[in-house]
Amino acid sequence: MHRLVSQVIMGTPINDTSINANIVNNIVHPFNYLIERPHARYRTLAVIKMKAGRETGALYMGHTHWTLGDDAATGVHLGKLNYYAKAVIEKGANIFIAHAVFISGYDGGLGSTFYKRGEKTYNPRMDKYNDDSIFVICLPRSERPKQNPISITGSFQWLSQELFDIEENRLGQLHYSQAVWYNRYWGWKQMALNQGLDDEMYNMFVNERSSPNAVTFASTAFYYNPNTRVHDFATNPTGHWKKEFIGAGKAGARHGETRVVSPISIIDNMHIINP
């Protein structure tokens, strides 16, 4: 019997029909998923902070000249004002620019549609996202991400050519086992996504836009409870969206359209488990 069941499972094609049948009949998939939304995009404002006083700099003004003349033909007085001024910074260390302090608008990346491969539909370095938001990464059934947060490229460092040649002794360094294949498929290595958590994260700008992000934090996930037959197990979010921003009706606050969000979360009445 076990052999027969194994042959049926191994002979089942992996397509949308079989996957939907597994969902309907509550059959565990033979693989696991990473569902990633790394490219949430916002318009942000910067803040300039400086130390007051002549030590930092000054606005130097020269002599102002006013010249007045007459036009006899038209009977009009003509005047010309020459004003000379120059702002000079004496000590640049007294000035600090903090980027991305305030959100002034939302551009996309938090939707529910899936990215499509192709230069015309997905190329972050050229600001092409096609209004899509989600990557789905397939993993072996028993695999879980080795850490939180992770990079969709599989590493916080630039992946070397040796790693792309799939040296078996180095694959264990990746955040998930299929990172090499997905990098090749999506071209993340060539797009120079922002790998680090703090390495010039707020100083890398291309055409006044920040470098495309690759780092994701574990968010809330809902799990099926076979006893109650509903999804009443959940994990706490670990990213910048706290539990107050999880659930229906929170899109306005997440998009920066509203300032106030209800403290009630969809996961407040659920069983919280570790991700």
Protein backbone atom coordinates (compact mmCIF):
# COMPACT_ATOMS: atom_id res chain seq x y z
CA MET A 1 0.00 0.00 0.00
CA HIS A 2 2.77 2.45 0.89
CA ARG A 3 4.52 1.67 -2.38
CA LEU A 4 1.32 2.20 -4.35
CA VAL A 5 0.65 5.55 -2.67
CA SER A 6 4.25 6.62 -3.29
CA GLN A 7 3.97 5.75 -6.98
CA VAL A 8 0.75 7.75 -7.28
CA ILE A 9 2.33 10.78 -5.59
CA MET A 10 5.55 10.59 -7.58
CA GLY A 11 3.63 10.19 -10.83
CA THR A 12 1.37 13.19 -10.23
CA PRO A 13 2.30 16.12 -12.51
CA ILE A 14 3.10 19.42 -10.81
CA ASN A 15 0.68 21.89 -12.35
CA ASP A 16 -2.13 24.20 -11.27
CA THR A 17 -4.71 21.40 -11.45
CA SER A 18 -2.87 19.09 -9.07
CA ILE A 19 -1.92 21.91 -6.70
CA ASN A 20 -5.52 23.15 -6.52
CA ALA A 21 -6.70 19.58 -5.93
CA ASN A 22 -4.27 19.30 -3.02
CA ILE A 23 -5.66 22.51 -1.53
CA VAL A 24 -9.29 21.40 -1.91
CA ASN A 25 -8.60 17.99 -0.36
CA ASN A 26 -6.25 19.31 2.37
CA ILE A 27 -3.28 17.31 1.05
CA VAL A 28 0.17 18.54 2.00
CA HIS A 29 2.22 19.82 -0.93
CA PRO A 30 5.48 17.99 -1.69
CA PHE A 31 7.28 21.35 -1.61
CA ASN A 32 7.44 24.58 0.37
CA TYR A 33 7.19 28.23 -0.66
CA LEU A 34 8.80 31.56 0.00
CA ILE A 35 6.41 34.37 -0.90
CA GLU A 36 8.37 37.61 -1.22
CA ARG A 37 7.41 41.26 -1.76
CA PRO A 38 10.79 43.04 -1.67
CA HIS A 39 10.02 46.01 -3.92
CA ALA A 40 7.59 48.17 -1.93
CA ARG A 41 8.20 51.64 -3.32
CA TYR A 42 7.50 54.98 -1.68
CA ARG A 43 8.22 58.61 -2.45
CA THR A 44 10.09 60.04 0.51
CA LEU A 45 11.40 63.37 1.76
CA ALA A 46 14.79 64.17 3.25
CA VAL A 47 15.73 66.31 6.24
CA ILE A 48 18.73 68.64 6.48
CA LYS A 49 20.04 69.16 10.00
CA MET A 50 22.86 71.59 10.76
CA LYS A 51 24.59 73.38 13.62
CA ALA A 52 23.72 77.05 13.79
CA GLY A 53 26.42 79.70 13.76
CA ARG A 54 29.31 81.10 11.70
CA GLU A 55 31.31 77.93 12.34
CA THR A 56 29.07 76.09 9.90
CA GLY A 57 28.78 78.81 7.26
CA ALA A 58 27.22 82.09 6.35
CA LEU A 59 25.42 84.00 3.64
CA TYR A 60 27.83 86.69 2.38
CA MET A 61 26.28 89.72 0.70
CA GLY A 62 28.07 92.33 -1.39
CA HIS A 63 27.18 95.92 -2.12
CA THR A 64 23.80 96.44 -3.75
CA HIS A 65 23.69 98.80 -6.71
CA TRP A 66 20.59 100.61 -7.85
CA THR A 67 20.70 102.48 -11.14
CA LEU A 68 17.88 104.75 -12.31
CA GLY A 69 17.44 106.31 -15.70
CA ASP A 70 14.82 108.03 -17.87
CA ASP A 71 13.45 107.15 -21.28
CA ALA A 72 12.52 110.49 -22.85
CA ALA A 73 10.71 108.88 -25.77
CA THR A 74 8.20 107.04 -23.59
CA GLY A 75 8.39 109.09 -20.41
CA VAL A 76 9.22 106.03 -18.32
CA HIS A 77 11.70 105.70 -15.46
CA LEU A 78 13.92 102.60 -15.83
CA GLY A 79 15.61 100.99 -12.85
CA LYS A 80 18.14 98.18 -12.46
CA LEU A 81 19.02 96.45 -9.20
CA ASN A 82 22.25 94.43 -8.83
CA TYR A 83 22.28 92.17 -5.75
CA TYR A 84 25.30 90.03 -4.86
CA ALA A 85 25.13 87.14 -2.38
CA LYS A 86 26.77 83.76 -1.88
CA ALA A 87 26.11 80.99 0.65
CA VAL A 88 29.40 79.50 1.83
CA ILE A 89 29.75 76.34 3.94
CA GLU A 90 32.79 76.60 6.17
CA LYS A 91 32.53 73.22 7.94
CA GLY A 92 30.61 70.49 6.14
CA ALA A 93 30.81 68.16 9.15
CA ASN A 94 28.21 70.35 10.86
CA ILE A 95 25.61 69.44 8.22
CA PHE A 96 23.78 66.10 8.06
CA ILE A 97 21.27 64.96 5.42
CA ALA A 98 18.89 62.21 6.51
CA HIS A 99 17.24 60.55 3.51
CA ALA A 100 13.81 58.89 3.47
CA VAL A 101 12.59 60.42 6.75
CA PHE A 102 9.00 61.12 5.69
CA ILE A 103 6.76 59.21 3.27
CA SER A 104 5.09 61.56 0.81
CA GLY A 105 3.47 58.97 -1.47
CA TYR A 106 3.18 55.30 -2.48
CA ASP A 107 4.29 54.00 -5.88
CA GLY A 108 3.60 50.26 -5.66
CA GLY A 109 4.99 46.88 -4.65
CA LEU A 110 2.43 45.87 -2.00
CA GLY A 111 -0.15 44.39 -4.34
CA SER A 112 -1.23 40.81 -4.98
CA THR A 113 -0.05 40.19 -8.56
CA PHE A 114 3.03 38.20 -9.53
CA TYR A 115 6.11 39.49 -11.34
CA LYS A 116 6.56 38.40 -14.95
CA ARG A 117 9.97 37.64 -16.35
CA GLY A 118 11.25 39.93 -19.11
CA GLU A 119 13.08 43.23 -19.54
CA LYS A 120 9.85 45.02 -20.44
CA THR A 121 7.96 43.76 -17.39
CA TYR A 122 10.62 43.49 -14.64
CA ASN A 123 13.81 45.52 -14.43
CA PRO A 124 14.23 47.36 -11.10
CA ARG A 125 17.32 49.27 -12.22
CA MET A 126 15.21 50.85 -14.98
CA ASP A 127 12.22 51.35 -12.66
CA LYS A 128 10.14 48.74 -14.52
CA TYR A 129 7.81 46.75 -12.27
CA ASN A 130 4.65 46.45 -14.39
CA ASP A 131 2.57 47.21 -11.25
CA ASP A 132 3.40 43.74 -9.90
CA SER A 133 4.53 42.83 -6.38
CA ILE A 134 5.14 39.15 -5.59
CA PHE A 135 7.84 36.54 -6.17
CA VAL A 136 7.13 32.90 -5.34
CA ILE A 137 10.19 30.77 -4.62
CA CYS A 138 9.77 26.99 -4.50
CA LEU A 139 11.75 25.02 -1.90
CA PRO A 140 12.00 21.41 -0.74
CA ARG A 141 9.18 20.49 1.63
CA SER A 142 11.37 20.25 4.74
CA GLU A 143 13.31 23.48 4.09
CA ARG A 144 12.82 26.66 6.07
CA PRO A 145 14.79 29.92 5.66
CA LYS A 146 18.00 29.72 7.65
CA GLN A 147 17.55 33.19 9.15
CA ASN A 148 15.37 36.28 9.35
CA PRO A 149 15.65 38.64 7.53
CA ILE A 150 16.84 37.13 4.26
CA SER A 151 17.82 38.46 0.85
CA ILE A 152 15.94 37.20 -2.20
CA THR A 153 19.37 36.87 -3.84
CA GLY A 154 20.35 34.36 -1.14
CA SER A 155 23.10 36.44 0.45
CA PHE A 156 23.71 39.87 1.97
CA GLN A 157 27.00 39.98 0.05
CA TRP A 158 27.52 40.11 -3.68
CA LEU A 159 27.40 36.56 -5.00
CA SER A 160 30.74 35.58 -6.49
CA GLN A 161 31.16 33.81 -9.80
CA GLU A 162 32.47 30.78 -7.92
CA LEU A 163 29.16 30.53 -6.09
CA PHE A 164 27.26 30.83 -9.35
CA ASP A 165 29.28 27.88 -10.62
CA ILE A 166 27.50 25.94 -7.84
CA GLU A 167 30.36 24.76 -5.71
CA GLU A 168 28.66 22.24 -3.46
CA ASN A 169 30.75 23.17 -0.43
CA ARG A 170 29.52 26.78 -0.57
CA LEU A 171 25.78 26.32 -1.14
CA GLY A 172 25.26 26.05 2.61
CA GLN A 173 26.11 29.73 2.93
CA LEU A 174 22.95 30.78 1.08
CA HIS A 175 19.75 31.86 2.81
CA TYR A 176 17.83 29.24 0.85
CA SER A 177 18.99 26.34 -1.28
CA GLN A 178 17.54 27.40 -4.65
CA ALA A 179 19.06 30.91 -4.64
CA VAL A 180 21.52 30.25 -7.48
CA TRP A 181 18.79 29.11 -9.87
CA TYR A 182 16.43 32.01 -9.00
CA ASN A 183 19.24 34.54 -9.40
CA ARG A 184 19.83 33.24 -12.91
CA TYR A 185 16.13 33.17 -13.72
CA TRP A 186 15.35 36.73 -12.58
CA GLY A 187 18.77 38.28 -13.20
CA TRP A 188 19.05 39.71 -9.67
CA LYS A 189 22.84 39.47 -9.68
CA GLN A 190 23.08 41.67 -12.78
CA MET A 191 20.59 44.22 -11.42
CA ALA A 192 22.77 45.11 -8.41
CA LEU A 193 19.96 44.99 -5.88
CA ASN A 194 20.61 46.49 -2.45
CA GLN A 195 21.97 43.55 -0.46
CA GLY A 196 22.87 45.06 2.89
CA LEU A 197 20.93 46.14 5.94
CA ASP A 198 22.99 49.28 6.51
CA ASP A 199 25.84 49.51 3.98
CA GLU A 200 25.09 52.88 2.40
CA MET A 201 21.45 51.88 2.29
CA TYR A 202 20.31 55.51 2.41
CA ASN A 203 23.09 56.96 0.26
CA MET A 204 22.74 54.94 -2.95
CA PHE A 205 20.56 56.85 -5.40
CA VAL A 206 19.98 56.29 -9.09
CA ASN A 207 18.00 59.02 -10.83
CA GLU A 208 16.87 60.27 -7.42
CA ARG A 209 15.57 56.80 -6.51
CA SER A 210 17.04 54.47 -3.93
CA SER A 211 18.77 51.27 -4.99
CA PRO A 212 16.22 48.43 -5.46
CA ASN A 213 15.77 46.45 -2.26
CA ALA A 214 16.39 42.70 -1.90
CA VAL A 215 16.03 42.24 1.88
CA THR A 216 12.77 40.89 3.34
CA PHE A 217 11.54 40.20 6.87
CA ALA A 218 9.19 37.40 7.88
CA SER A 219 5.64 38.71 7.92
CA THR A 220 2.43 37.28 9.31
CA ALA A 221 1.51 33.81 8.05
CA PHE A 222 -1.73 31.97 8.75
CA TYR A 223 -1.79 28.21 9.33
CA TYR A 224 -4.62 25.72 9.08
CA ASN A 225 -5.85 24.18 12.32
CA PRO A 226 -7.19 20.65 11.64
CA ASN A 227 -9.12 20.70 14.93
CA THR A 228 -11.10 23.88 14.25
CA ARG A 229 -10.83 23.58 10.44
CA VAL A 230 -9.97 27.25 10.09
CA HIS A 231 -6.72 29.20 9.78
CA ASP A 232 -6.47 30.37 13.39
CA PHE A 233 -2.72 29.90 13.90
CA ALA A 234 -0.58 32.90 12.99
CA THR A 235 2.95 34.26 13.32
CA ASN A 236 3.85 37.75 14.50
CA PRO A 237 5.29 40.07 11.82
CA THR A 238 8.98 40.87 12.25
CA GLY A 239 9.38 43.67 9.72
CA HIS A 240 8.52 47.36 9.97
CA TRP A 241 4.79 46.62 9.64
CA LYS A 242 3.73 45.70 13.17
CA LYS A 243 0.61 43.68 13.90
CA GLU A 244 -1.58 46.83 13.91
CA PHE A 245 -1.00 47.08 10.16
CA ILE A 246 -2.00 43.45 9.46
CA GLY A 247 -5.51 42.75 8.20
CA ALA A 248 -8.29 44.15 6.04
CA GLY A 249 -8.70 47.92 5.93
CA LYS A 250 -5.04 48.66 6.65
CA ALA A 251 -4.01 49.46 3.07
CA GLY A 252 -4.50 53.20 3.48
CA ALA A 253 -2.06 53.40 6.37
CA ARG A 254 0.46 51.13 4.66
CA HIS A 255 0.29 53.24 1.51
CA GLY A 256 0.85 56.45 3.47
CA GLU A 257 -2.63 57.77 2.65
CA THR A 258 -3.83 57.94 6.28
CA ARG A 259 -1.92 58.81 9.44
CA VAL A 260 -3.99 56.87 11.97
CA VAL A 261 -4.40 53.11 12.08
CA SER A 262 -6.65 51.11 14.42
CA PRO A 263 -4.68 49.27 17.13
CA ILE A 264 -6.90 46.19 16.61
CA SER A 265 -5.21 43.51 14.54
CA ILE A 266 -6.60 40.45 12.79
CA ILE A 267 -4.16 38.24 14.70
CA ASP A 268 -5.15 39.43 18.20
CA ASN A 269 -7.56 36.51 18.71
CA MET A 270 -5.37 33.85 17.10
CA HIS A 271 -2.89 31.34 18.45
CA ILE A 272 0.56 32.87 17.95
CA ILE A 273 3.36 30.49 16.99
CA ASN A 274 7.01 31.02 16.16
CA PRO A 275 7.76 31.27 12.43
